[in-house]
Amino acid sequence: MFALFAVAGFAGCKFANVVGIQGSGTAKTETRSLSGFKEIKVENALHVEVTVQKDFAFTITADDNLLEHIKTEVSGGTLVIATKDNIAPKTKIEIRVSLPELTKLNVSGASTAVVAGAKTDALKLDASGASKIRVDGEVKSVEAGASGASGVEAENLKTENAKVNASGASNITVAPTGELDAEASGASTVIYTNEPKSIKQNASGASSIRKK
């Protein structure tokens, strides 16, 4: 299991040595009109807080001169959040998204996402490139993947079935009550809580699959 690092220090640590557009040091909050999506994709070392609730909403706080360099686009039912250029912020970047239903979340490039109140039949989670996902809520089934020193923490996500794959020194924690299908490779770890009715597991390359 991994500890999701403090958000406050994230922006400064990840961007401190980046050569790019320098932040002004003056924080500004911007509201963007975004809707019509059930999937979210986060890239380029950004941190996003996601809340599942009745209405769509999106706010972003960052250096005022960097807001235009952080793109948000809805395409094919997916909200993509990423930077257009290399940036070096001086203030913490805070991105908050609300939506009625989340079915898929993909984070990459040293990004992080925290999800509150997930509620759907099937939820798919994918973290890659030193990225992290933490999620709570209740779903019927979850499919989670983590690769390249990434992690998915879903211990507080109530689910009947879970299918997970951790590779490349990654970690996944889930809490299924029905079926668990788990694979771990390349010094990775899968941890499960509860007492799944059936377990299918395959661990290789100094990896482990175990009950908490």
N, C-alpha and C. Protein backbone atom coordinates (compact mmCIF):
# COMPACT_ATOMS: atom_id res chain seq x y z
N MET A 1 0.85 -1.19 0.00
CA MET A 1 0.00 0.00 0.00
C MET A 1 0.88 1.24 0.00
N PHE A 2 0.44 2.22 -0.67
CA PHE A 2 1.24 3.43 -0.73
C PHE A 2 0.53 4.54 0.01
N ALA A 3 1.30 5.53 0.41
CA ALA A 3 0.72 6.71 1.06
C ALA A 3 0.62 7.80 0.02
N LEU A 4 -0.59 8.28 -0.20
CA LEU A 4 -0.77 9.36 -1.17
C LEU A 4 -0.18 10.62 -0.57
N PHE A 5 0.79 11.21 -1.24
CA PHE A 5 1.51 12.34 -0.67
C PHE A 5 0.65 13.58 -0.56
N ALA A 6 1.09 14.48 0.28
CA ALA A 6 0.33 15.70 0.52
C ALA A 6 0.24 16.54 -0.74
N VAL A 7 -0.96 16.98 -1.03
CA VAL A 7 -1.19 17.77 -2.24
C VAL A 7 -0.46 19.10 -2.18
N ALA A 8 -0.39 19.67 -1.01
CA ALA A 8 0.19 21.01 -0.88
C ALA A 8 1.61 21.07 -1.40
N GLY A 9 2.36 20.00 -1.19
CA GLY A 9 3.74 20.03 -1.62
C GLY A 9 3.94 19.52 -3.02
N PHE A 10 2.91 19.00 -3.61
CA PHE A 10 3.03 18.34 -4.91
C PHE A 10 3.47 19.27 -6.02
N ALA A 11 2.79 20.39 -6.16
CA ALA A 11 3.08 21.29 -7.28
C ALA A 11 4.52 21.78 -7.24
N GLY A 12 4.95 22.19 -6.05
CA GLY A 12 6.29 22.72 -5.94
C GLY A 12 7.35 21.67 -6.23
N CYS A 13 7.13 20.43 -5.72
CA CYS A 13 8.11 19.38 -5.93
C CYS A 13 8.19 18.97 -7.39
N LYS A 14 7.05 18.81 -8.03
CA LYS A 14 7.04 18.28 -9.39
C LYS A 14 7.53 19.29 -10.42
N PHE A 15 7.32 20.57 -10.16
CA PHE A 15 7.65 21.56 -11.16
C PHE A 15 8.87 22.41 -10.81
N ALA A 16 9.46 22.17 -9.64
CA ALA A 16 10.52 23.05 -9.16
C ALA A 16 11.69 23.17 -10.13
N ASN A 17 12.06 22.07 -10.78
CA ASN A 17 13.22 22.09 -11.66
C ASN A 17 12.85 22.09 -13.15
N VAL A 18 11.59 22.37 -13.42
CA VAL A 18 11.14 22.37 -14.81
C VAL A 18 11.52 23.68 -15.49
N VAL A 19 12.10 23.57 -16.68
CA VAL A 19 12.38 24.75 -17.48
C VAL A 19 11.15 25.00 -18.34
N GLY A 20 10.53 26.13 -18.15
CA GLY A 20 9.32 26.42 -18.90
C GLY A 20 8.77 27.78 -18.54
N ILE A 21 7.50 27.96 -18.76
CA ILE A 21 6.85 29.23 -18.48
C ILE A 21 6.74 29.42 -16.98
N GLN A 22 7.32 30.48 -16.47
CA GLN A 22 7.34 30.75 -15.04
C GLN A 22 6.01 31.33 -14.57
N GLY A 23 5.54 30.82 -13.43
CA GLY A 23 4.32 31.34 -12.86
C GLY A 23 4.51 32.74 -12.31
N SER A 24 3.45 33.52 -12.29
CA SER A 24 3.51 34.91 -11.83
C SER A 24 3.57 35.02 -10.32
N GLY A 25 3.11 33.98 -9.63
CA GLY A 25 3.04 34.04 -8.18
C GLY A 25 1.71 34.57 -7.68
N THR A 26 0.85 34.97 -8.59
CA THR A 26 -0.49 35.46 -8.23
C THR A 26 -1.52 34.41 -8.60
N ALA A 27 -2.14 33.82 -7.59
CA ALA A 27 -3.11 32.75 -7.83
C ALA A 27 -4.45 33.31 -8.30
N LYS A 28 -5.07 32.59 -9.20
CA LYS A 28 -6.38 32.97 -9.70
C LYS A 28 -7.22 31.70 -9.89
N THR A 29 -8.50 31.79 -9.55
CA THR A 29 -9.41 30.66 -9.73
C THR A 29 -10.30 30.91 -10.93
N GLU A 30 -10.39 29.91 -11.77
CA GLU A 30 -11.18 30.01 -12.99
C GLU A 30 -12.20 28.88 -13.03
N THR A 31 -13.43 29.22 -13.39
CA THR A 31 -14.49 28.22 -13.57
C THR A 31 -14.66 27.96 -15.06
N ARG A 32 -14.68 26.70 -15.42
CA ARG A 32 -14.85 26.35 -16.83
C ARG A 32 -16.13 25.53 -17.01
N SER A 33 -16.83 25.81 -18.08
CA SER A 33 -18.09 25.12 -18.37
C SER A 33 -17.79 23.83 -19.13
N LEU A 34 -17.82 22.72 -18.42
CA LEU A 34 -17.51 21.42 -19.00
C LEU A 34 -18.58 20.41 -18.58
N SER A 35 -19.08 19.64 -19.52
CA SER A 35 -20.11 18.65 -19.21
C SER A 35 -20.11 17.57 -20.28
N GLY A 36 -20.98 16.57 -20.10
CA GLY A 36 -21.11 15.52 -21.10
C GLY A 36 -20.01 14.48 -21.09
N PHE A 37 -19.44 14.20 -19.93
CA PHE A 37 -18.38 13.19 -19.84
C PHE A 37 -18.59 12.28 -18.64
N LYS A 38 -18.15 11.04 -18.80
CA LYS A 38 -18.16 10.06 -17.72
C LYS A 38 -16.76 9.52 -17.45
N GLU A 39 -15.82 9.91 -18.31
CA GLU A 39 -14.44 9.46 -18.18
C GLU A 39 -13.52 10.67 -18.03
N ILE A 40 -12.43 10.48 -17.29
CA ILE A 40 -11.47 11.56 -17.06
C ILE A 40 -10.06 11.03 -17.32
N LYS A 41 -9.27 11.83 -18.02
CA LYS A 41 -7.87 11.51 -18.28
C LYS A 41 -7.01 12.67 -17.81
N VAL A 42 -6.03 12.38 -16.96
CA VAL A 42 -5.17 13.41 -16.39
C VAL A 42 -3.72 13.13 -16.79
N GLU A 43 -3.03 14.16 -17.27
CA GLU A 43 -1.65 14.00 -17.73
C GLU A 43 -0.75 15.10 -17.18
N ASN A 44 0.56 14.91 -17.35
CA ASN A 44 1.56 15.97 -17.13
C ASN A 44 1.67 16.47 -15.69
N ALA A 45 1.75 15.54 -14.74
CA ALA A 45 2.04 15.90 -13.35
C ALA A 45 1.04 16.87 -12.74
N LEU A 46 -0.24 16.62 -12.99
CA LEU A 46 -1.29 17.44 -12.39
C LEU A 46 -2.01 16.64 -11.31
N HIS A 47 -2.58 17.35 -10.35
CA HIS A 47 -3.37 16.72 -9.29
C HIS A 47 -4.82 17.16 -9.44
N VAL A 48 -5.72 16.19 -9.40
CA VAL A 48 -7.14 16.47 -9.60
C VAL A 48 -7.95 15.83 -8.48
N GLU A 49 -8.90 16.59 -7.95
CA GLU A 49 -9.84 16.07 -6.97
C GLU A 49 -11.19 15.92 -7.66
N VAL A 50 -11.73 14.71 -7.62
CA VAL A 50 -12.98 14.39 -8.32
C VAL A 50 -14.06 14.05 -7.30
N THR A 51 -15.22 14.67 -7.47
CA THR A 51 -16.37 14.37 -6.61
C THR A 51 -17.54 13.94 -7.48
N VAL A 52 -18.11 12.79 -7.15
CA VAL A 52 -19.28 12.31 -7.88
C VAL A 52 -20.51 12.84 -7.17
N GLN A 53 -21.25 13.70 -7.87
CA GLN A 53 -22.46 14.30 -7.33
C GLN A 53 -23.41 14.64 -8.47
N LYS A 54 -24.50 15.32 -8.18
CA LYS A 54 -25.58 15.50 -9.15
C LYS A 54 -25.18 16.28 -10.39
N ASP A 55 -24.45 17.38 -10.23
CA ASP A 55 -24.19 18.29 -11.35
C ASP A 55 -22.71 18.32 -11.75
N PHE A 56 -22.48 18.73 -13.01
CA PHE A 56 -21.13 18.95 -13.49
C PHE A 56 -20.60 20.28 -12.94
N ALA A 57 -19.32 20.30 -12.60
CA ALA A 57 -18.66 21.54 -12.18
C ALA A 57 -17.16 21.37 -12.38
N PHE A 58 -16.48 22.49 -12.65
CA PHE A 58 -15.04 22.44 -12.84
C PHE A 58 -14.42 23.76 -12.44
N THR A 59 -13.45 23.71 -11.53
CA THR A 59 -12.69 24.90 -11.17
C THR A 59 -11.20 24.57 -11.17
N ILE A 60 -10.41 25.56 -11.49
CA ILE A 60 -8.96 25.40 -11.47
C ILE A 60 -8.33 26.65 -10.89
N THR A 61 -7.42 26.45 -9.96
CA THR A 61 -6.68 27.55 -9.34
C THR A 61 -5.21 27.37 -9.67
N ALA A 62 -4.60 28.43 -10.19
CA ALA A 62 -3.18 28.37 -10.57
C ALA A 62 -2.66 29.79 -10.74
N ASP A 63 -1.38 29.94 -11.01
CA ASP A 63 -0.84 31.26 -11.35
C ASP A 63 -1.66 31.82 -12.50
N ASP A 64 -2.03 33.09 -12.40
CA ASP A 64 -2.95 33.65 -13.39
C ASP A 64 -2.43 33.57 -14.82
N ASN A 65 -1.12 33.62 -14.99
CA ASN A 65 -0.58 33.58 -16.36
C ASN A 65 -0.41 32.15 -16.89
N LEU A 66 -0.67 31.16 -16.03
CA LEU A 66 -0.52 29.77 -16.48
C LEU A 66 -1.85 29.09 -16.80
N LEU A 67 -2.95 29.72 -16.43
CA LEU A 67 -4.26 29.10 -16.65
C LEU A 67 -4.48 28.72 -18.11
N GLU A 68 -4.06 29.59 -19.01
CA GLU A 68 -4.27 29.32 -20.43
C GLU A 68 -3.42 28.17 -20.95
N HIS A 69 -2.42 27.78 -20.17
CA HIS A 69 -1.53 26.70 -20.59
C HIS A 69 -1.96 25.34 -20.02
N ILE A 70 -3.06 25.32 -19.28
CA ILE A 70 -3.61 24.07 -18.77
C ILE A 70 -4.90 23.81 -19.53
N LYS A 71 -4.87 22.80 -20.39
CA LYS A 71 -6.00 22.57 -21.29
C LYS A 71 -7.02 21.63 -20.67
N THR A 72 -8.27 21.86 -20.98
CA THR A 72 -9.36 20.97 -20.62
C THR A 72 -10.23 20.81 -21.85
N GLU A 73 -10.43 19.58 -22.25
CA GLU A 73 -11.19 19.32 -23.47
C GLU A 73 -12.04 18.07 -23.30
N VAL A 74 -13.30 18.16 -23.70
CA VAL A 74 -14.18 17.00 -23.67
C VAL A 74 -14.29 16.44 -25.09
N SER A 75 -13.93 15.17 -25.24
CA SER A 75 -13.97 14.54 -26.55
C SER A 75 -14.42 13.09 -26.40
N GLY A 76 -15.48 12.73 -27.08
CA GLY A 76 -15.97 11.36 -27.03
C GLY A 76 -16.35 10.89 -25.64
N GLY A 77 -16.87 11.80 -24.83
CA GLY A 77 -17.28 11.44 -23.48
C GLY A 77 -16.16 11.41 -22.46
N THR A 78 -14.97 11.88 -22.86
CA THR A 78 -13.82 11.90 -21.96
C THR A 78 -13.32 13.33 -21.74
N LEU A 79 -13.13 13.70 -20.49
CA LEU A 79 -12.52 14.99 -20.15
C LEU A 79 -11.02 14.79 -20.04
N VAL A 80 -10.28 15.50 -20.86
CA VAL A 80 -8.81 15.43 -20.83
C VAL A 80 -8.28 16.68 -20.14
N ILE A 81 -7.44 16.49 -19.13
CA ILE A 81 -6.82 17.59 -18.40
C ILE A 81 -5.32 17.44 -18.52
N ALA A 82 -4.65 18.43 -19.10
CA ALA A 82 -3.21 18.33 -19.33
C ALA A 82 -2.62 19.72 -19.53
N THR A 83 -1.30 19.81 -19.49
CA THR A 83 -0.65 21.08 -19.79
C THR A 83 -0.29 21.14 -21.27
N LYS A 84 -0.44 22.32 -21.86
CA LYS A 84 -0.08 22.51 -23.26
C LYS A 84 1.43 22.67 -23.43
N ASP A 85 2.06 23.29 -22.43
CA ASP A 85 3.49 23.60 -22.49
C ASP A 85 4.15 23.24 -21.17
N ASN A 86 5.47 23.26 -21.13
CA ASN A 86 6.18 23.11 -19.86
C ASN A 86 5.92 24.34 -19.01
N ILE A 87 5.52 24.12 -17.78
CA ILE A 87 5.23 25.24 -16.88
C ILE A 87 5.98 25.07 -15.57
N ALA A 88 6.24 26.19 -14.91
CA ALA A 88 6.92 26.20 -13.62
C ALA A 88 6.10 27.07 -12.67
N PRO A 89 5.05 26.52 -12.09
CA PRO A 89 4.17 27.30 -11.22
C PRO A 89 4.83 27.72 -9.91
N LYS A 90 4.41 28.87 -9.42
CA LYS A 90 4.86 29.34 -8.11
C LYS A 90 3.79 29.14 -7.06
N THR A 91 2.54 28.99 -7.50
CA THR A 91 1.46 28.70 -6.56
C THR A 91 0.92 27.30 -6.84
N LYS A 92 0.29 26.71 -5.85
CA LYS A 92 -0.23 25.36 -5.99
C LYS A 92 -1.35 25.30 -7.02
N ILE A 93 -1.28 24.33 -7.90
CA ILE A 93 -2.35 24.13 -8.87
C ILE A 93 -3.41 23.23 -8.25
N GLU A 94 -4.64 23.73 -8.18
CA GLU A 94 -5.75 22.97 -7.62
C GLU A 94 -6.82 22.80 -8.69
N ILE A 95 -7.14 21.57 -9.00
CA ILE A 95 -8.16 21.27 -10.01
C ILE A 95 -9.24 20.43 -9.35
N ARG A 96 -10.48 20.89 -9.45
CA ARG A 96 -11.61 20.18 -8.84
C ARG A 96 -12.68 19.92 -9.90
N VAL A 97 -13.09 18.67 -9.98
CA VAL A 97 -14.08 18.25 -10.97
C VAL A 97 -15.24 17.57 -10.27
N SER A 98 -16.46 17.91 -10.67
CA SER A 98 -17.65 17.21 -10.19
C SER A 98 -18.41 16.69 -11.40
N LEU A 99 -19.01 15.51 -11.26
CA LEU A 99 -19.78 14.93 -12.34
C LEU A 99 -20.76 13.91 -11.78
N PRO A 100 -21.85 13.64 -12.50
CA PRO A 100 -22.87 12.72 -11.98
C PRO A 100 -22.43 11.26 -11.90
N GLU A 101 -21.59 10.83 -12.84
CA GLU A 101 -21.14 9.44 -12.85
C GLU A 101 -19.74 9.34 -13.46
N LEU A 102 -18.88 8.59 -12.79
CA LEU A 102 -17.52 8.35 -13.29
C LEU A 102 -17.39 6.87 -13.61
N THR A 103 -17.03 6.56 -14.86
CA THR A 103 -16.88 5.16 -15.26
C THR A 103 -15.43 4.78 -15.56
N LYS A 104 -14.59 5.79 -15.83
CA LYS A 104 -13.19 5.49 -16.14
C LYS A 104 -12.30 6.66 -15.74
N LEU A 105 -11.15 6.34 -15.16
CA LEU A 105 -10.17 7.36 -14.77
C LEU A 105 -8.78 6.88 -15.17
N ASN A 106 -8.08 7.72 -15.91
CA ASN A 106 -6.74 7.39 -16.37
C ASN A 106 -5.80 8.52 -15.97
N VAL A 107 -4.76 8.21 -15.21
CA VAL A 107 -3.79 9.23 -14.82
C VAL A 107 -2.40 8.78 -15.24
N SER A 108 -1.59 9.72 -15.74
CA SER A 108 -0.26 9.36 -16.24
C SER A 108 0.71 10.52 -16.06
N GLY A 109 1.99 10.20 -16.21
CA GLY A 109 3.00 11.25 -16.14
C GLY A 109 3.11 11.92 -14.80
N ALA A 110 3.22 11.12 -13.73
CA ALA A 110 3.38 11.65 -12.37
C ALA A 110 2.20 12.49 -11.92
N SER A 111 1.01 12.10 -12.34
CA SER A 111 -0.21 12.80 -11.92
C SER A 111 -0.85 12.06 -10.76
N THR A 112 -1.77 12.72 -10.07
CA THR A 112 -2.52 12.08 -9.00
C THR A 112 -3.98 12.46 -9.10
N ALA A 113 -4.84 11.57 -8.60
CA ALA A 113 -6.27 11.85 -8.58
C ALA A 113 -6.88 11.24 -7.33
N VAL A 114 -7.75 12.00 -6.69
CA VAL A 114 -8.49 11.53 -5.53
C VAL A 114 -9.97 11.60 -5.88
N VAL A 115 -10.67 10.48 -5.74
CA VAL A 115 -12.08 10.40 -6.12
C VAL A 115 -12.93 10.14 -4.88
N ALA A 116 -13.97 10.94 -4.71
CA ALA A 116 -14.89 10.78 -3.59
C ALA A 116 -16.28 10.44 -4.10
N GLY A 117 -16.86 9.39 -3.52
CA GLY A 117 -18.26 9.06 -3.81
C GLY A 117 -18.52 8.36 -5.12
N ALA A 118 -17.58 7.58 -5.62
CA ALA A 118 -17.80 6.85 -6.87
C ALA A 118 -19.02 5.95 -6.74
N LYS A 119 -19.88 5.96 -7.75
CA LYS A 119 -21.07 5.11 -7.73
C LYS A 119 -21.46 4.78 -9.17
N THR A 120 -21.23 3.54 -9.58
CA THR A 120 -21.53 3.10 -10.94
C THR A 120 -21.50 1.58 -10.96
N ASP A 121 -21.93 0.99 -12.06
CA ASP A 121 -21.87 -0.47 -12.16
C ASP A 121 -20.44 -0.95 -12.32
N ALA A 122 -19.73 -0.38 -13.30
CA ALA A 122 -18.36 -0.82 -13.58
C ALA A 122 -17.43 0.39 -13.65
N LEU A 123 -16.37 0.36 -12.87
CA LEU A 123 -15.40 1.45 -12.83
C LEU A 123 -14.04 0.92 -13.28
N LYS A 124 -13.41 1.67 -14.18
CA LYS A 124 -12.08 1.30 -14.65
C LYS A 124 -11.07 2.35 -14.22
N LEU A 125 -9.97 1.92 -13.62
CA LEU A 125 -8.93 2.82 -13.13
C LEU A 125 -7.59 2.41 -13.72
N ASP A 126 -6.81 3.40 -14.15
CA ASP A 126 -5.49 3.10 -14.70
C ASP A 126 -4.51 4.20 -14.31
N ALA A 127 -3.41 3.80 -13.69
CA ALA A 127 -2.36 4.73 -13.29
C ALA A 127 -1.04 4.27 -13.89
N SER A 128 -0.30 5.19 -14.52
CA SER A 128 0.97 4.82 -15.14
C SER A 128 1.98 5.96 -15.00
N GLY A 129 3.26 5.59 -15.10
CA GLY A 129 4.30 6.62 -15.05
C GLY A 129 4.38 7.36 -13.75
N ALA A 130 4.52 6.62 -12.65
CA ALA A 130 4.65 7.22 -11.31
C ALA A 130 3.44 8.05 -10.92
N SER A 131 2.27 7.54 -11.22
CA SER A 131 1.02 8.25 -10.88
C SER A 131 0.26 7.50 -9.79
N LYS A 132 -0.69 8.19 -9.16
CA LYS A 132 -1.43 7.62 -8.04
C LYS A 132 -2.93 7.91 -8.19
N ILE A 133 -3.74 6.95 -7.77
CA ILE A 133 -5.19 7.12 -7.69
C ILE A 133 -5.64 6.65 -6.32
N ARG A 134 -6.50 7.44 -5.69
CA ARG A 134 -7.17 7.01 -4.45
C ARG A 134 -8.66 7.22 -4.64
N VAL A 135 -9.46 6.22 -4.29
CA VAL A 135 -10.89 6.31 -4.58
C VAL A 135 -11.71 5.68 -3.46
N ASP A 136 -12.87 6.29 -3.18
CA ASP A 136 -13.84 5.68 -2.29
C ASP A 136 -15.21 5.74 -2.93
N GLY A 137 -16.14 4.97 -2.40
CA GLY A 137 -17.49 4.93 -2.95
C GLY A 137 -17.99 3.51 -3.01
N GLU A 138 -18.89 3.22 -3.96
CA GLU A 138 -19.48 1.89 -4.08
C GLU A 138 -19.79 1.58 -5.54
N VAL A 139 -19.24 0.48 -6.04
CA VAL A 139 -19.47 0.05 -7.42
C VAL A 139 -19.72 -1.46 -7.42
N LYS A 140 -20.27 -1.95 -8.53
CA LYS A 140 -20.49 -3.39 -8.63
C LYS A 140 -19.18 -4.10 -8.96
N SER A 141 -18.40 -3.51 -9.86
CA SER A 141 -17.11 -4.12 -10.22
C SER A 141 -16.09 -3.03 -10.52
N VAL A 142 -14.83 -3.36 -10.27
CA VAL A 142 -13.75 -2.43 -10.56
C VAL A 142 -12.64 -3.16 -11.30
N GLU A 143 -12.09 -2.50 -12.30
CA GLU A 143 -10.92 -3.00 -13.01
C GLU A 143 -9.82 -1.98 -12.84
N ALA A 144 -8.71 -2.39 -12.25
CA ALA A 144 -7.64 -1.44 -11.93
C ALA A 144 -6.31 -1.92 -12.48
N GLY A 145 -5.58 -0.98 -13.06
CA GLY A 145 -4.24 -1.27 -13.56
C GLY A 145 -3.26 -0.23 -13.06
N ALA A 146 -2.06 -0.66 -12.72
CA ALA A 146 -1.01 0.26 -12.28
C ALA A 146 0.32 -0.22 -12.86
N SER A 147 1.07 0.69 -13.46
CA SER A 147 2.34 0.32 -14.08
C SER A 147 3.36 1.45 -13.91
N GLY A 148 4.64 1.07 -13.96
CA GLY A 148 5.68 2.09 -13.88
C GLY A 148 5.72 2.84 -12.57
N ALA A 149 5.82 2.10 -11.46
CA ALA A 149 5.92 2.71 -10.13
C ALA A 149 4.70 3.55 -9.79
N SER A 150 3.54 3.04 -10.12
CA SER A 150 2.28 3.75 -9.84
C SER A 150 1.47 3.00 -8.79
N GLY A 151 0.36 3.59 -8.37
CA GLY A 151 -0.45 2.95 -7.36
C GLY A 151 -1.93 3.29 -7.48
N VAL A 152 -2.75 2.32 -7.10
CA VAL A 152 -4.19 2.51 -7.00
C VAL A 152 -4.62 2.07 -5.62
N GLU A 153 -5.17 2.99 -4.85
CA GLU A 153 -5.64 2.69 -3.51
C GLU A 153 -7.17 2.71 -3.51
N ALA A 154 -7.76 1.52 -3.48
CA ALA A 154 -9.22 1.41 -3.53
C ALA A 154 -9.75 0.58 -2.36
N GLU A 155 -9.07 0.65 -1.25
CA GLU A 155 -9.49 -0.09 -0.06
C GLU A 155 -10.85 0.38 0.43
N ASN A 156 -11.15 1.66 0.23
CA ASN A 156 -12.43 2.21 0.69
C ASN A 156 -13.48 2.27 -0.41
N LEU A 157 -13.25 1.52 -1.47
CA LEU A 157 -14.22 1.39 -2.55
C LEU A 157 -14.93 0.05 -2.38
N LYS A 158 -16.20 0.11 -2.00
CA LYS A 158 -16.97 -1.12 -1.85
C LYS A 158 -17.26 -1.71 -3.22
N THR A 159 -16.94 -2.97 -3.40
CA THR A 159 -17.16 -3.60 -4.70
C THR A 159 -17.38 -5.10 -4.53
N GLU A 160 -18.14 -5.64 -5.46
CA GLU A 160 -18.37 -7.08 -5.45
C GLU A 160 -17.21 -7.81 -6.11
N ASN A 161 -16.82 -7.34 -7.29
CA ASN A 161 -15.75 -8.01 -8.04
C ASN A 161 -14.62 -7.04 -8.39
N ALA A 162 -13.41 -7.57 -8.44
CA ALA A 162 -12.25 -6.75 -8.79
C ALA A 162 -11.30 -7.53 -9.70
N LYS A 163 -10.88 -6.88 -10.77
CA LYS A 163 -9.86 -7.43 -11.66
C LYS A 163 -8.72 -6.44 -11.69
N VAL A 164 -7.52 -6.86 -11.27
CA VAL A 164 -6.42 -5.91 -11.13
C VAL A 164 -5.14 -6.46 -11.74
N ASN A 165 -4.30 -5.53 -12.19
CA ASN A 165 -3.00 -5.89 -12.77
C ASN A 165 -1.98 -4.84 -12.37
N ALA A 166 -1.01 -5.24 -11.57
CA ALA A 166 0.06 -4.33 -11.13
C ALA A 166 1.38 -4.79 -11.73
N SER A 167 2.13 -3.86 -12.33
CA SER A 167 3.40 -4.22 -12.95
C SER A 167 4.42 -3.10 -12.76
N GLY A 168 5.69 -3.47 -12.85
CA GLY A 168 6.74 -2.45 -12.79
C GLY A 168 6.80 -1.70 -11.48
N ALA A 169 6.93 -2.44 -10.38
CA ALA A 169 7.07 -1.82 -9.05
C ALA A 169 5.87 -0.97 -8.67
N SER A 170 4.69 -1.49 -8.94
CA SER A 170 3.45 -0.76 -8.64
C SER A 170 2.67 -1.46 -7.54
N ASN A 171 1.64 -0.77 -7.02
CA ASN A 171 0.85 -1.29 -5.92
C ASN A 171 -0.63 -1.04 -6.17
N ILE A 172 -1.46 -2.03 -5.82
CA ILE A 172 -2.91 -1.88 -5.91
C ILE A 172 -3.53 -2.48 -4.65
N THR A 173 -4.48 -1.76 -4.08
CA THR A 173 -5.24 -2.26 -2.93
C THR A 173 -6.72 -2.22 -3.27
N VAL A 174 -7.41 -3.34 -3.08
CA VAL A 174 -8.84 -3.42 -3.38
C VAL A 174 -9.56 -4.17 -2.27
N ALA A 175 -10.90 -4.09 -2.28
CA ALA A 175 -11.69 -4.72 -1.21
C ALA A 175 -12.91 -5.43 -1.77
N PRO A 176 -12.73 -6.45 -2.61
CA PRO A 176 -13.88 -7.16 -3.18
C PRO A 176 -14.49 -8.16 -2.20
N THR A 177 -15.78 -8.40 -2.38
CA THR A 177 -16.45 -9.41 -1.56
C THR A 177 -16.80 -10.65 -2.37
N GLY A 178 -16.79 -10.53 -3.71
CA GLY A 178 -17.14 -11.64 -4.57
C GLY A 178 -15.93 -12.27 -5.21
N GLU A 179 -15.59 -11.84 -6.42
CA GLU A 179 -14.47 -12.42 -7.15
C GLU A 179 -13.28 -11.46 -7.21
N LEU A 180 -12.09 -12.03 -7.04
CA LEU A 180 -10.85 -11.27 -7.22
C LEU A 180 -10.00 -11.98 -8.27
N ASP A 181 -9.66 -11.24 -9.32
CA ASP A 181 -8.76 -11.73 -10.37
C ASP A 181 -7.55 -10.80 -10.36
N ALA A 182 -6.42 -11.29 -9.86
CA ALA A 182 -5.27 -10.42 -9.64
C ALA A 182 -4.00 -10.94 -10.30
N GLU A 183 -3.26 -10.01 -10.91
CA GLU A 183 -1.95 -10.31 -11.47
C GLU A 183 -0.95 -9.27 -10.96
N ALA A 184 0.25 -9.72 -10.65
CA ALA A 184 1.30 -8.82 -10.19
C ALA A 184 2.63 -9.28 -10.77
N SER A 185 3.40 -8.35 -11.32
CA SER A 185 4.68 -8.70 -11.93
C SER A 185 5.68 -7.57 -11.73
N GLY A 186 6.96 -7.91 -11.83
CA GLY A 186 7.99 -6.88 -11.75
C GLY A 186 8.05 -6.16 -10.43
N ALA A 187 8.15 -6.92 -9.34
CA ALA A 187 8.28 -6.34 -8.00
C ALA A 187 7.09 -5.48 -7.61
N SER A 188 5.91 -5.96 -7.93
CA SER A 188 4.68 -5.23 -7.60
C SER A 188 3.90 -5.96 -6.50
N THR A 189 2.91 -5.26 -5.96
CA THR A 189 2.12 -5.82 -4.86
C THR A 189 0.64 -5.56 -5.07
N VAL A 190 -0.16 -6.59 -4.85
CA VAL A 190 -1.61 -6.45 -4.80
C VAL A 190 -2.06 -6.87 -3.41
N ILE A 191 -2.78 -5.99 -2.75
CA ILE A 191 -3.30 -6.27 -1.42
C ILE A 191 -4.82 -6.22 -1.47
N TYR A 192 -5.47 -7.20 -0.84
CA TYR A 192 -6.92 -7.19 -0.80
C TYR A 192 -7.42 -7.32 0.64
N THR A 193 -8.55 -6.68 0.89
CA THR A 193 -9.19 -6.78 2.19
C THR A 193 -10.49 -7.56 2.01
N ASN A 194 -11.26 -7.70 3.06
CA ASN A 194 -12.48 -8.51 3.03
C ASN A 194 -12.13 -9.98 2.78
N GLU A 195 -13.13 -10.77 2.47
CA GLU A 195 -12.96 -12.20 2.20
C GLU A 195 -13.62 -12.53 0.87
N PRO A 196 -12.92 -12.35 -0.25
CA PRO A 196 -13.51 -12.68 -1.55
C PRO A 196 -13.96 -14.14 -1.60
N LYS A 197 -15.09 -14.38 -2.27
CA LYS A 197 -15.59 -15.74 -2.37
C LYS A 197 -14.70 -16.60 -3.25
N SER A 198 -14.09 -15.98 -4.24
CA SER A 198 -13.16 -16.72 -5.10
C SER A 198 -11.98 -15.84 -5.47
N ILE A 199 -10.81 -16.45 -5.56
CA ILE A 199 -9.59 -15.71 -5.88
C ILE A 199 -8.83 -16.42 -6.99
N LYS A 200 -8.52 -15.67 -8.03
CA LYS A 200 -7.65 -16.15 -9.10
C LYS A 200 -6.43 -15.24 -9.09
N GLN A 201 -5.25 -15.79 -8.92
CA GLN A 201 -4.08 -14.94 -8.77
C GLN A 201 -2.86 -15.49 -9.50
N ASN A 202 -2.02 -14.57 -9.92
CA ASN A 202 -0.77 -14.92 -10.60
C ASN A 202 0.27 -13.86 -10.27
N ALA A 203 1.28 -14.25 -9.52
CA ALA A 203 2.34 -13.32 -9.12
C ALA A 203 3.67 -13.83 -9.66
N SER A 204 4.47 -12.92 -10.23
CA SER A 204 5.77 -13.30 -10.78
C SER A 204 6.77 -12.17 -10.58
N GLY A 205 8.05 -12.50 -10.73
CA GLY A 205 9.08 -11.48 -10.68
C GLY A 205 9.14 -10.72 -9.37
N ALA A 206 9.29 -11.46 -8.26
CA ALA A 206 9.42 -10.84 -6.93
C ALA A 206 8.20 -10.02 -6.55
N SER A 207 7.04 -10.43 -7.02
CA SER A 207 5.79 -9.74 -6.70
C SER A 207 4.99 -10.55 -5.69
N SER A 208 3.94 -9.93 -5.14
CA SER A 208 3.12 -10.64 -4.17
C SER A 208 1.66 -10.22 -4.28
N ILE A 209 0.79 -11.17 -3.94
CA ILE A 209 -0.65 -10.92 -3.84
C ILE A 209 -1.05 -11.46 -2.48
N ARG A 210 -1.56 -10.60 -1.62
CA ARG A 210 -1.82 -11.04 -0.25
C ARG A 210 -2.98 -10.29 0.38
N LYS A 211 -3.50 -10.91 1.43
CA LYS A 211 -4.57 -10.29 2.20
C LYS A 211 -3.97 -9.35 3.23
N LYS A 212 -4.61 -8.24 3.45
CA LYS A 212 -4.12 -7.26 4.42
C LYS A 212 -4.28 -7.82 5.82
